[in-house]
N, C-alpha and C. Protein backbone atom coordinates (compact mmCIF):
# COMPACT_ATOMS: atom_id res chain seq x y z
N UNK A 1 85.62 98.75 79.29
CA UNK A 1 84.68 98.82 80.53
C UNK A 1 84.54 100.49 81.12
N UNK A 2 83.59 101.60 80.92
CA UNK A 2 83.27 103.18 81.38
C UNK A 2 83.03 103.26 83.08
N UNK A 3 84.18 103.10 84.09
CA UNK A 3 83.76 103.56 85.28
C UNK A 3 84.25 105.24 85.90
N UNK A 4 82.91 104.56 86.30
CA UNK A 4 82.37 107.00 87.14
C UNK A 4 82.74 106.20 88.61
N UNK A 5 83.96 106.72 88.89
CA UNK A 5 84.72 107.65 90.58
C UNK A 5 83.83 108.16 91.02
N UNK A 6 83.13 108.56 92.06
CA UNK A 6 82.62 109.64 93.29
C UNK A 6 83.36 109.97 93.94
N UNK A 7 84.32 110.68 94.17
CA UNK A 7 84.90 111.17 95.60
C UNK A 7 86.55 111.02 95.01
N UNK A 8 87.30 112.14 94.80
CA UNK A 8 88.58 112.38 94.79
C UNK A 8 89.53 112.18 96.06
N UNK A 9 89.18 111.44 97.15
CA UNK A 9 90.18 111.46 98.37
C UNK A 9 91.02 110.55 97.77
N UNK A 10 91.59 110.57 98.65
CA UNK A 10 92.92 108.80 98.79
C UNK A 10 92.46 107.70 97.38
N UNK A 11 90.68 107.27 98.47
CA UNK A 11 91.14 105.15 97.41
C UNK A 11 90.32 105.89 96.35
N UNK A 12 89.55 107.43 95.96
CA UNK A 12 89.52 107.94 94.46
C UNK A 12 90.24 108.78 93.48
N UNK A 13 91.70 108.94 94.22
CA UNK A 13 92.49 109.35 93.44
C UNK A 13 93.39 108.05 92.74
N UNK A 14 94.11 107.15 93.56
CA UNK A 14 94.13 105.96 93.33
C UNK A 14 93.69 104.74 92.60
N UNK A 15 93.01 105.09 93.03
CA UNK A 15 91.79 104.11 92.56
C UNK A 15 91.59 104.39 91.20
N UNK A 16 91.34 105.47 90.67
CA UNK A 16 91.76 105.86 89.19
C UNK A 16 92.42 105.91 88.64
N UNK A 17 93.99 106.40 89.44
CA UNK A 17 95.09 106.12 88.40
C UNK A 17 95.12 104.74 87.82
N UNK A 18 95.47 103.16 88.95
CA UNK A 18 95.28 101.61 88.34
C UNK A 18 94.13 101.88 87.63
N UNK A 19 93.03 102.26 87.53
CA UNK A 19 91.92 102.10 86.65
C UNK A 19 92.30 102.28 85.07
N UNK A 20 92.91 104.02 84.94
CA UNK A 20 93.35 104.52 84.10
C UNK A 20 94.60 103.64 83.30
N UNK A 21 95.59 103.53 84.01
CA UNK A 21 97.01 102.06 83.93
C UNK A 21 96.42 101.05 82.98
N UNK A 22 94.91 100.34 83.89
CA UNK A 22 94.66 99.24 82.79
C UNK A 22 93.87 99.67 81.98
N UNK A 23 93.83 100.64 81.33
CA UNK A 23 93.76 101.05 79.98
C UNK A 23 91.18 100.86 80.27
N UNK A 24 91.25 101.14 81.37
CA UNK A 24 89.60 101.60 81.25
C UNK A 24 89.31 102.83 80.79
N UNK A 25 88.09 102.98 80.70
CA UNK A 25 87.58 104.50 80.68
C UNK A 25 87.19 105.16 82.19
N UNK A 26 87.96 106.48 82.42
CA UNK A 26 87.51 106.33 84.30
C UNK A 26 87.06 107.61 83.64
N UNK A 27 86.03 108.12 84.68
CA UNK A 27 85.38 109.32 84.69
C UNK A 27 85.16 109.75 86.37
N UNK A 28 86.25 110.53 87.43
CA UNK A 28 86.32 111.02 88.24
C UNK A 28 85.65 111.71 88.74
N UNK A 29 84.73 112.12 89.86
CA UNK A 29 84.33 113.18 90.07
C UNK A 29 84.41 114.22 91.62
N UNK A 30 84.93 115.09 91.30
CA UNK A 30 84.79 115.65 92.58
C UNK A 30 84.37 116.47 92.97
N UNK A 31 83.57 116.65 94.45
CA UNK A 31 82.98 117.67 94.26
C UNK A 31 83.18 119.52 94.83
N UNK A 32 84.59 119.55 95.66
CA UNK A 32 85.23 120.63 95.68
C UNK A 32 86.49 120.87 94.84
N UNK A 33 86.14 122.63 94.29
CA UNK A 33 86.34 123.07 93.33
C UNK A 33 88.29 122.81 93.48
N UNK A 34 88.58 123.32 93.68
CA UNK A 34 89.89 122.86 94.12
C UNK A 34 90.56 122.50 94.18
N UNK A 35 90.05 120.89 95.09
CA UNK A 35 90.98 119.57 95.19
C UNK A 35 91.08 119.42 93.53
N UNK A 36 89.57 119.07 92.68
CA UNK A 36 89.38 118.63 91.47
C UNK A 36 90.86 119.30 90.34
N UNK A 37 90.28 120.45 90.43
CA UNK A 37 91.56 121.55 90.30
C UNK A 37 92.45 120.74 90.03
N UNK A 38 93.56 120.58 91.16
CA UNK A 38 94.81 119.61 91.59
C UNK A 38 94.84 118.55 90.75
N UNK A 39 93.49 117.50 91.27
CA UNK A 39 93.35 115.91 90.62
C UNK A 39 94.09 116.77 88.75
N UNK A 40 92.63 117.17 88.37
CA UNK A 40 93.39 117.23 87.10
C UNK A 40 94.38 118.12 86.37
N UNK A 41 95.47 118.64 87.52
CA UNK A 41 96.98 118.74 87.15
C UNK A 41 97.79 117.47 86.93
N UNK A 42 97.48 116.35 88.00
CA UNK A 42 97.80 115.23 87.56
C UNK A 42 97.46 113.94 86.85
N UNK A 43 95.97 114.04 86.87
CA UNK A 43 95.81 112.76 86.20
C UNK A 43 94.78 113.66 84.46
N UNK A 44 94.80 114.88 84.36
CA UNK A 44 94.37 115.16 83.62
C UNK A 44 92.78 114.94 83.19
N UNK A 45 92.28 115.42 81.75
CA UNK A 45 90.60 115.46 82.19
C UNK A 45 89.94 114.30 82.32
N UNK A 46 89.95 113.67 83.20
CA UNK A 46 89.21 112.31 83.64
C UNK A 46 88.72 113.12 84.62
N UNK A 47 89.36 114.42 84.71
CA UNK A 47 88.61 114.55 86.34
C UNK A 47 87.87 115.49 86.00
N UNK A 48 86.50 115.74 86.01
CA UNK A 48 85.77 116.55 86.58
C UNK A 48 84.94 117.54 87.69
N UNK A 49 84.53 118.48 87.56
CA UNK A 49 84.56 119.35 89.00
C UNK A 49 83.26 118.92 89.34
N UNK A 50 82.06 118.72 90.38
CA UNK A 50 80.50 118.54 90.34
C UNK A 50 80.04 117.56 91.31
N UNK A 51 78.78 117.88 91.81
CA UNK A 51 78.11 116.51 92.88
C UNK A 51 78.14 115.33 92.81
N UNK A 52 78.30 114.62 92.89
CA UNK A 52 77.79 113.20 92.29
C UNK A 52 76.76 113.31 92.83
N UNK A 53 76.26 113.11 93.80
CA UNK A 53 74.78 113.43 94.39
C UNK A 53 73.22 114.15 93.79
N UNK A 54 73.64 114.86 92.82
CA UNK A 54 72.67 115.60 92.12
C UNK A 54 72.29 114.80 91.04
N UNK A 55 71.36 114.79 90.68
CA UNK A 55 70.67 114.19 89.77
C UNK A 55 71.21 114.74 88.37
N UNK A 56 71.30 115.79 87.93
CA UNK A 56 71.57 116.78 86.65
C UNK A 56 73.07 116.88 86.48
N UNK A 57 74.00 116.56 87.44
CA UNK A 57 75.47 116.03 87.53
C UNK A 57 75.81 115.06 87.01
N UNK A 58 75.06 114.13 87.19
CA UNK A 58 75.02 112.60 87.58
C UNK A 58 74.72 112.29 85.50
N UNK A 59 73.51 113.12 85.47
CA UNK A 59 73.11 113.08 83.86
C UNK A 59 74.05 113.66 83.24
N UNK A 60 74.84 114.41 83.17
CA UNK A 60 75.94 115.43 82.28
C UNK A 60 77.29 114.57 82.00
N UNK A 61 77.62 113.52 83.30
CA UNK A 61 78.33 113.30 83.29
C UNK A 61 78.22 111.58 82.36
N UNK A 62 77.10 111.41 81.68
CA UNK A 62 77.22 110.28 81.78
C UNK A 62 76.47 108.87 82.04
N UNK A 63 76.65 108.95 83.21
CA UNK A 63 75.77 108.25 84.11
C UNK A 63 75.35 107.12 84.26
N UNK A 64 74.38 107.16 82.56
CA UNK A 64 73.47 106.36 82.03
C UNK A 64 74.33 105.27 81.50
N UNK A 65 75.36 105.29 80.27
CA UNK A 65 76.12 104.40 79.49
C UNK A 65 77.41 103.85 80.99
N UNK A 66 77.64 103.97 81.59
CA UNK A 66 78.30 104.04 82.95
C UNK A 66 78.33 102.80 83.33
N UNK A 67 79.41 101.30 83.13
CA UNK A 67 79.25 99.92 82.91
C UNK A 67 79.28 99.68 84.76
N UNK A 68 79.96 100.92 85.55
CA UNK A 68 80.01 100.62 86.98
C UNK A 68 80.34 102.02 88.17
N UNK A 69 79.81 101.82 88.98
CA UNK A 69 79.95 103.00 89.31
C UNK A 69 80.03 103.04 91.02
N UNK A 70 81.26 103.81 91.35
CA UNK A 70 81.77 103.82 92.56
C UNK A 70 81.88 104.53 92.99
N UNK A 71 81.51 104.74 93.92
CA UNK A 71 81.32 105.67 95.25
C UNK A 71 82.35 105.64 96.75
N UNK A 72 82.98 106.87 96.28
CA UNK A 72 84.51 106.68 97.15
C UNK A 72 84.49 107.25 98.55
N UNK A 73 83.69 108.34 98.38
CA UNK A 73 83.66 109.51 99.42
C UNK A 73 83.74 109.06 101.10
N UNK A 74 84.40 110.09 101.57
CA UNK A 74 84.41 110.28 102.84
C UNK A 74 83.08 110.11 103.98
N UNK A 75 81.67 110.17 103.63
CA UNK A 75 80.50 110.62 103.95
C UNK A 75 79.45 108.72 103.36
N UNK A 76 79.34 108.28 104.92
CA UNK A 76 77.93 107.40 103.94
C UNK A 76 77.08 107.48 102.89
N UNK A 77 76.46 108.62 103.36
CA UNK A 77 74.95 108.76 103.66
C UNK A 77 74.95 109.53 102.02
N UNK A 78 76.41 109.76 101.07
CA UNK A 78 76.64 110.73 99.69
C UNK A 78 76.98 108.87 99.55
N UNK A 79 77.53 108.26 99.34
CA UNK A 79 78.03 106.90 98.71
C UNK A 79 76.49 106.10 98.52
N UNK A 80 75.84 106.07 99.33
CA UNK A 80 74.33 105.31 99.60
C UNK A 80 73.45 106.00 98.33
N UNK A 81 73.90 107.30 98.56
CA UNK A 81 72.22 108.10 97.74
C UNK A 81 72.92 108.12 95.71
N UNK A 82 74.35 107.90 95.82
CA UNK A 82 74.82 107.74 94.71
C UNK A 82 74.83 106.45 93.81
N UNK A 83 75.20 105.79 94.99
CA UNK A 83 74.42 104.42 94.21
C UNK A 83 73.32 104.03 94.08
N UNK A 84 72.22 104.14 94.88
CA UNK A 84 71.05 104.12 94.77
C UNK A 84 70.24 104.78 93.59
N UNK A 85 70.56 105.70 93.44
CA UNK A 85 70.09 107.05 92.31
C UNK A 85 70.67 106.18 91.25
N UNK A 86 72.34 105.94 91.17
CA UNK A 86 72.65 105.39 89.94
C UNK A 86 71.36 104.10 89.55
N UNK A 87 72.13 103.26 90.10
CA UNK A 87 70.28 102.03 90.20
C UNK A 87 69.09 102.51 89.40
N UNK A 88 68.51 103.21 89.97
CA UNK A 88 67.30 103.50 90.18
C UNK A 88 66.70 104.44 89.05
N UNK A 89 68.06 105.52 88.83
CA UNK A 89 68.05 106.49 87.81
C UNK A 89 68.02 105.86 86.60
N UNK A 90 69.25 105.87 86.71
CA UNK A 90 70.24 105.65 85.62
C UNK A 90 70.12 103.95 85.39
N UNK A 91 69.76 103.11 85.82
CA UNK A 91 69.78 101.71 85.26
C UNK A 91 71.11 100.91 85.31
N UNK A 92 71.96 101.49 86.35
CA UNK A 92 73.53 100.73 86.85
C UNK A 92 72.63 99.33 87.45
N UNK A 93 73.38 98.08 86.44
CA UNK A 93 73.85 97.64 87.41
C UNK A 93 74.75 96.96 88.49
N UNK A 94 75.88 97.53 88.15
CA UNK A 94 76.47 97.42 89.13
C UNK A 94 77.56 98.21 89.82
N UNK A 95 77.01 98.21 91.40
CA UNK A 95 77.50 99.64 92.27
C UNK A 95 78.04 98.99 93.11
N UNK A 96 79.90 100.19 93.52
CA UNK A 96 80.51 99.08 94.96
C UNK A 96 80.48 100.98 95.52
N UNK A 97 80.64 100.32 96.94
CA UNK A 97 80.17 101.72 98.27
C UNK A 97 81.73 101.58 98.73
N UNK A 98 82.28 102.61 99.42
CA UNK A 98 83.06 102.70 100.31
C UNK A 98 82.34 102.61 101.87
N UNK A 99 82.04 101.85 102.57
CA UNK A 99 81.81 102.11 103.79
C UNK A 99 82.05 102.42 105.03
N UNK A 100 81.78 103.67 105.57
CA UNK A 100 82.72 103.98 106.73
C UNK A 100 82.44 103.89 108.04
N UNK A 101 81.59 103.22 108.04
CA UNK A 101 81.34 103.31 109.36
C UNK A 101 80.17 101.31 109.10
N UNK A 102 80.95 100.18 110.00
CA UNK A 102 80.75 99.17 109.40
C UNK A 102 78.96 98.87 110.02
N UNK A 103 78.70 99.82 110.66
CA UNK A 103 77.27 100.10 111.24
C UNK A 103 76.48 99.78 109.82
N UNK A 104 76.85 100.06 108.89
CA UNK A 104 76.00 100.70 108.13
C UNK A 104 76.03 99.69 106.79
N UNK A 105 77.38 98.26 107.20
CA UNK A 105 76.42 97.46 105.72
C UNK A 105 75.66 96.58 105.71
N UNK A 106 74.68 96.66 106.64
CA UNK A 106 73.31 96.39 106.81
C UNK A 106 72.48 96.65 105.61
N UNK A 107 72.35 98.13 106.05
CA UNK A 107 71.86 98.98 105.36
C UNK A 107 72.18 98.86 104.16
N UNK A 108 73.21 99.30 103.56
CA UNK A 108 73.45 99.20 102.58
C UNK A 108 73.38 97.99 101.53
N UNK A 109 73.41 96.76 101.79
CA UNK A 109 73.19 95.28 101.18
C UNK A 109 71.58 95.20 101.05
N UNK A 110 70.68 95.77 102.22
CA UNK A 110 68.70 95.51 102.21
C UNK A 110 68.67 96.64 100.81
N UNK A 111 69.76 97.83 100.34
CA UNK A 111 69.10 98.59 99.25
C UNK A 111 69.25 98.29 98.09
N UNK A 112 70.36 96.93 97.85
CA UNK A 112 70.50 96.39 97.22
C UNK A 112 72.33 96.99 96.23
N UNK A 113 72.80 97.37 97.44
CA UNK A 113 74.36 98.35 96.90
C UNK A 113 75.10 96.38 96.73
N UNK A 114 75.89 96.43 95.01
CA UNK A 114 75.93 95.04 95.18
C UNK A 114 77.31 95.40 96.13
N UNK A 115 78.63 95.56 96.33
CA UNK A 115 79.53 95.49 97.28
C UNK A 115 79.70 96.76 97.79
N UNK A 116 80.41 95.72 99.25
CA UNK A 116 80.64 97.40 99.90
C UNK A 116 81.77 97.37 100.06
N UNK A 117 82.75 97.99 100.53
CA UNK A 117 84.49 97.48 101.29
C UNK A 117 84.68 98.62 102.54
N UNK A 118 85.04 98.23 103.75
CA UNK A 118 85.14 98.81 105.08
C UNK A 118 85.97 97.61 105.52
N UNK A 119 86.88 99.46 105.16
CA UNK A 119 88.51 98.91 106.34
C UNK A 119 87.82 98.88 108.03
N UNK A 120 86.71 99.61 107.73
CA UNK A 120 87.31 99.89 110.11
C UNK A 120 86.82 98.09 110.20
N UNK A 121 85.94 98.19 109.53
CA UNK A 121 84.79 96.31 109.80
C UNK A 121 86.40 95.64 110.11
N UNK A 122 86.83 95.44 108.14
CA UNK A 122 88.44 94.95 108.69
C UNK A 122 89.59 94.59 109.94
N UNK A 123 89.58 96.36 110.05
CA UNK A 123 90.09 96.08 111.89
C UNK A 123 89.29 95.52 112.78
N UNK A 124 88.29 95.85 112.83
CA UNK A 124 87.66 95.46 114.50
C UNK A 124 87.91 94.30 114.09
N UNK A 125 87.00 93.47 113.24
CA UNK A 125 87.54 92.01 113.32
C UNK A 125 88.33 91.64 113.55
N UNK A 126 89.78 91.95 113.10
CA UNK A 126 91.38 91.56 113.37
C UNK A 126 91.36 91.31 115.11
N UNK A 127 90.76 92.80 116.04
CA UNK A 127 90.60 93.46 117.16
C UNK A 127 89.33 92.17 117.95
N UNK A 128 88.67 91.35 117.18
CA UNK A 128 87.87 90.70 118.13
C UNK A 128 88.36 89.30 117.90
N UNK A 129 89.10 89.31 117.05
CA UNK A 129 89.68 87.85 117.10
C UNK A 129 90.89 87.49 118.55
N UNK A 130 91.41 88.72 118.87
CA UNK A 130 92.31 88.64 119.42
C UNK A 130 93.71 88.53 118.63
N UNK A 131 94.04 89.10 117.65
CA UNK A 131 95.03 88.23 117.23
C UNK A 131 96.18 89.62 117.24
N UNK A 132 97.27 89.11 118.12
CA UNK A 132 97.87 90.13 118.64
C UNK A 132 99.20 90.79 117.10
N UNK A 133 98.72 92.14 117.88
CA UNK A 133 99.82 93.34 117.22
C UNK A 133 101.09 92.98 116.26
N UNK A 134 101.76 92.15 116.95
CA UNK A 134 103.18 91.49 116.42
C UNK A 134 103.16 90.83 115.67
N UNK A 135 101.81 89.68 114.97
CA UNK A 135 101.31 89.01 113.96
C UNK A 135 100.34 90.08 112.42
N UNK A 136 100.28 90.90 112.83
CA UNK A 136 99.36 91.87 112.12
C UNK A 136 101.15 92.12 110.72
N UNK A 137 100.24 92.45 109.53
CA UNK A 137 101.07 92.80 108.55
C UNK A 137 101.17 95.02 108.33
N UNK A 138 102.46 95.23 108.87
CA UNK A 138 102.09 96.92 108.73
C UNK A 138 101.08 97.51 107.57
N UNK A 139 100.68 98.40 107.80
CA UNK A 139 100.44 98.68 106.46
C UNK A 139 101.32 99.68 105.74
N UNK A 140 101.96 99.91 105.91
CA UNK A 140 102.94 100.49 105.38
C UNK A 140 103.99 100.42 104.30
N UNK A 141 104.49 98.82 105.20
CA UNK A 141 104.85 97.56 104.21
C UNK A 141 104.18 97.14 103.57
N UNK A 142 103.11 97.19 103.66
CA UNK A 142 101.86 96.24 102.44
C UNK A 142 102.33 97.66 101.68
N UNK A 143 101.76 99.16 101.10
CA UNK A 143 101.98 99.74 100.46
C UNK A 143 103.29 100.30 99.88
N UNK A 144 104.89 99.84 100.92
CA UNK A 144 106.01 99.62 99.70
C UNK A 144 106.13 98.60 98.67
N UNK A 145 105.26 97.79 99.20
CA UNK A 145 104.95 96.53 98.20
C UNK A 145 104.44 96.56 97.10
N UNK A 146 103.01 97.96 97.39
CA UNK A 146 102.29 97.81 96.43
C UNK A 146 100.81 96.79 96.60
N UNK A 147 101.10 95.74 97.81
CA UNK A 147 99.58 95.36 98.00
C UNK A 147 98.92 96.07 99.26
N UNK A 148 97.35 95.69 98.68
CA UNK A 148 96.41 95.36 99.10
C UNK A 148 95.37 95.14 99.89
N UNK A 149 95.29 95.14 101.24
CA UNK A 149 94.15 93.88 101.84
C UNK A 149 92.23 94.66 101.52
N UNK A 150 91.53 94.01 100.26
CA UNK A 150 91.17 94.41 99.98
C UNK A 150 89.61 93.71 100.60
N UNK A 151 88.20 94.20 100.84
CA UNK A 151 87.05 93.58 101.68
C UNK A 151 86.10 93.13 100.80
N UNK A 152 85.63 92.74 100.59
CA UNK A 152 84.63 92.59 99.01
C UNK A 152 83.63 91.68 100.46
N UNK A 153 82.14 92.65 100.25
CA UNK A 153 80.77 91.82 100.85
C UNK A 153 79.90 91.07 99.88
N UNK A 154 80.16 89.69 99.77
CA UNK A 154 79.77 88.53 98.82
C UNK A 154 77.50 89.41 98.22
N UNK A 155 76.83 89.78 97.81
CA UNK A 155 75.62 89.44 96.84
C UNK A 155 75.19 88.56 97.03
N UNK A 156 73.75 88.79 96.48
CA UNK A 156 73.17 87.29 95.68
C UNK A 156 73.40 87.15 94.40
N UNK A 157 73.83 88.05 93.95
CA UNK A 157 74.16 88.62 92.35
C UNK A 157 75.39 87.81 92.65
N UNK A 158 76.34 88.21 93.53
CA UNK A 158 78.33 87.61 92.71
C UNK A 158 77.75 86.33 92.21
N UNK A 159 78.72 86.28 91.20
CA UNK A 159 79.63 85.17 90.62
C UNK A 159 79.83 83.26 91.33
N UNK A 160 80.33 84.36 92.34
CA UNK A 160 81.21 83.04 93.35
C UNK A 160 80.34 82.73 94.41
N UNK A 161 78.71 83.12 94.71
CA UNK A 161 78.06 82.47 95.79
C UNK A 161 77.85 81.50 95.08
N UNK A 162 78.19 79.67 96.13
CA UNK A 162 77.74 78.81 96.05
C UNK A 162 78.82 77.91 95.01
N UNK A 163 80.11 78.73 94.88
CA UNK A 163 81.38 77.96 94.19
C UNK A 163 82.09 77.29 95.57
N UNK A 164 83.38 76.58 95.30
CA UNK A 164 84.28 76.33 95.92
C UNK A 164 85.84 77.49 95.75
N UNK A 165 86.58 77.94 97.05
CA UNK A 165 87.04 79.05 96.54
C UNK A 165 88.30 78.58 95.66
N UNK A 166 88.58 77.37 96.13
CA UNK A 166 89.57 76.65 95.21
C UNK A 166 88.66 76.43 93.71
N UNK A 167 87.93 76.91 92.93
CA UNK A 167 87.25 76.62 92.01
C UNK A 167 87.28 78.73 91.29
N UNK A 168 87.61 78.90 92.03
CA UNK A 168 88.18 80.83 91.67
C UNK A 168 89.10 80.73 90.96
N UNK A 169 89.26 82.11 89.70
CA UNK A 169 90.24 81.85 89.84
C UNK A 169 90.52 83.50 89.48
N UNK A 170 92.10 84.10 90.30
CA UNK A 170 91.99 84.95 91.09
C UNK A 170 92.76 85.83 89.20
N UNK A 171 93.24 87.37 89.62
CA UNK A 171 93.59 87.79 89.37
C UNK A 171 95.78 87.98 89.64
N UNK A 172 96.20 87.98 89.09
CA UNK A 172 98.26 88.27 89.51
C UNK A 172 97.86 87.25 90.33
N UNK A 173 98.54 87.49 91.46
CA UNK A 173 98.83 86.50 92.53
C UNK A 173 98.42 86.93 93.25
N UNK A 174 96.66 87.19 93.51
CA UNK A 174 95.57 87.98 94.32
C UNK A 174 95.77 86.30 95.30
N UNK A 175 95.14 86.45 95.96
CA UNK A 175 94.85 86.00 97.04
C UNK A 175 93.85 86.10 98.01
N UNK A 176 93.17 85.09 97.93
CA UNK A 176 92.17 85.06 99.68
C UNK A 176 92.88 84.85 101.55
N UNK A 177 92.58 85.57 102.10
CA UNK A 177 93.20 85.34 102.92
C UNK A 177 92.59 84.89 104.32
N UNK A 178 91.11 85.30 104.22
CA UNK A 178 90.05 85.08 105.02
C UNK A 178 88.85 85.20 104.69
N UNK A 179 87.95 84.76 105.27
CA UNK A 179 86.26 84.68 104.49
C UNK A 179 85.73 85.00 106.34
N UNK A 180 84.57 86.34 106.45
CA UNK A 180 83.99 86.56 107.33
C UNK A 180 82.74 86.42 107.31
N UNK A 181 81.92 85.66 108.07
CA UNK A 181 80.83 84.91 108.41
C UNK A 181 80.02 85.25 109.96
N UNK A 182 79.07 86.43 109.35
CA UNK A 182 78.49 86.74 110.71
C UNK A 182 79.43 87.21 111.35
N UNK A 183 79.58 86.58 112.59
CA UNK A 183 80.51 87.02 113.12
C UNK A 183 81.90 86.58 113.21
N UNK A 184 82.00 85.37 113.16
CA UNK A 184 83.14 84.42 112.89
C UNK A 184 84.09 84.85 111.70
N UNK A 185 85.39 84.60 112.09
CA UNK A 185 86.66 84.74 110.75
C UNK A 185 86.83 83.46 110.17
N UNK A 186 86.53 82.38 108.79
CA UNK A 186 87.18 81.40 108.76
C UNK A 186 88.34 81.73 108.41
N UNK A 187 89.08 80.27 108.18
CA UNK A 187 90.35 80.42 107.06
C UNK A 187 89.70 80.16 105.50
N UNK A 188 90.02 80.40 104.52
CA UNK A 188 90.28 79.77 103.38
C UNK A 188 90.74 78.47 102.39
N UNK A 189 90.12 77.50 103.55
CA UNK A 189 90.64 76.37 102.53
C UNK A 189 89.78 76.69 101.16
N UNK A 190 90.23 75.49 100.15
CA UNK A 190 90.03 75.37 98.50
C UNK A 190 88.41 74.96 98.75
N UNK A 191 88.14 73.92 99.68
CA UNK A 191 86.80 72.78 99.09
C UNK A 191 85.07 74.42 99.56
N UNK A 192 86.28 75.23 101.21
CA UNK A 192 84.95 76.17 101.33
C UNK A 192 83.66 77.09 100.52
N UNK A 193 82.51 76.36 100.72
CA UNK A 193 81.94 77.44 100.12
C UNK A 193 81.39 78.76 100.38
N UNK A 194 81.93 79.64 99.24
CA UNK A 194 80.97 81.02 99.50
C UNK A 194 80.08 81.49 99.18
N UNK A 195 78.98 82.10 100.40
CA UNK A 195 77.44 82.08 101.05
C UNK A 195 77.65 83.32 100.64
N UNK A 196 75.75 83.79 99.97
CA UNK A 196 75.25 85.27 100.54
C UNK A 196 75.80 85.87 101.66
N UNK A 197 76.10 87.69 101.64
CA UNK A 197 76.20 87.73 103.38
C UNK A 197 77.96 87.98 103.24
N UNK A 198 78.66 86.14 103.14
CA UNK A 198 80.13 86.24 102.80
C UNK A 198 81.00 87.79 103.16
N UNK A 199 81.67 88.57 104.02
CA UNK A 199 82.51 89.20 103.57
C UNK A 199 83.91 88.03 103.18
N UNK A 200 84.73 88.43 101.92
CA UNK A 200 85.71 87.81 101.29
C UNK A 200 86.87 89.23 101.85
N UNK A 201 88.38 88.25 102.62
CA UNK A 201 89.50 89.44 102.15
C UNK A 201 90.06 89.15 101.79
N UNK A 202 90.48 89.88 100.17
CA UNK A 202 91.63 89.17 99.90
C UNK A 202 93.13 90.08 99.63
N UNK A 203 94.68 89.54 99.08
CA UNK A 203 95.16 90.47 99.14
C UNK A 203 95.76 90.20 98.31
N UNK A 204 96.17 91.72 97.41
CA UNK A 204 96.41 91.89 96.06
C UNK A 204 97.19 93.13 95.50
N UNK A 205 97.84 92.76 94.75
CA UNK A 205 98.55 93.66 93.93
C UNK A 205 97.80 95.29 93.72
N UNK A 206 98.36 96.54 94.14
CA UNK A 206 97.10 97.57 93.71
C UNK A 206 96.95 98.06 92.31
N UNK A 207 97.37 97.31 91.21
CA UNK A 207 96.91 97.33 90.50
C UNK A 207 96.18 96.63 89.35
N UNK A 208 95.48 94.99 89.72
CA UNK A 208 95.47 94.68 89.82
C UNK A 208 93.65 94.53 91.01
N UNK A 209 93.17 95.34 91.53
CA UNK A 209 92.62 95.49 92.30
C UNK A 209 90.94 95.64 91.35
N UNK A 210 90.63 96.63 90.75
CA UNK A 210 89.79 96.76 89.39
C UNK A 210 89.26 95.23 89.20
N UNK A 211 90.04 93.95 88.23
CA UNK A 211 90.07 92.87 87.40
C UNK A 211 89.78 92.14 89.13
N UNK A 212 89.70 92.48 90.15
CA UNK A 212 89.52 91.82 91.49
C UNK A 212 88.12 91.69 92.26
N UNK A 213 87.83 92.91 91.62
CA UNK A 213 86.19 93.01 92.36
C UNK A 213 85.43 92.99 90.85
N UNK A 214 85.96 92.62 89.75
CA UNK A 214 85.23 92.18 88.18
C UNK A 214 84.51 90.56 88.58
N UNK A 215 85.28 89.69 89.72
CA UNK A 215 85.70 88.38 89.37
C UNK A 215 84.28 88.44 90.92
N UNK A 216 84.21 88.94 92.07
CA UNK A 216 83.01 88.76 92.86
C UNK A 216 82.28 89.38 92.93
N UNK A 217 81.98 90.55 91.81
CA UNK A 217 80.60 91.15 91.84
C UNK A 217 80.16 90.61 90.42
N UNK A 218 78.60 91.43 89.86
CA UNK A 218 77.87 90.73 89.42
C UNK A 218 78.07 91.80 88.38
């Protein structure tokens, strides 16, 4: 699988490392020249310097043959542009975008972005449900165990829509820990049927995250 990751921040860096370790062909595209050089010293030739929002750069970097485009910059506007151009200009069928502002998630879905990941929305929903701080798993503890909480919003094209949670085979020891549906949080019983627009929260080993996205994305 050929995966192009846009944005060499922490998200893009660690995702690229995991994808390479899993045996995928990966390109990490970083706009800032100095940072791209530092990343290349660590990751090697998979890192290229360039603006992932420019059509010329996209063409030069082989967007047309990519299987997945991941927009992981810190700017929602850039992530949206990358995913839209990947779909409309290069015919990419699978796009995944980081969304920094939960207010933009609906817009991304309306414009056809297949999967969005929003840590901000996760934290907001935990607060809204008045979960006590003492009951939350510290992020640092998760990192030490190489675990991540991953949020995936289900589009109409997701292969798991209409299926019961108990029927879904997850990679490794991944677990569905909650379903966000509208303004409600639901516990993931085996008989719960997933719906378009659901946000599925999962706990997964870091090296299994790419495989996890493959289960939920068309």
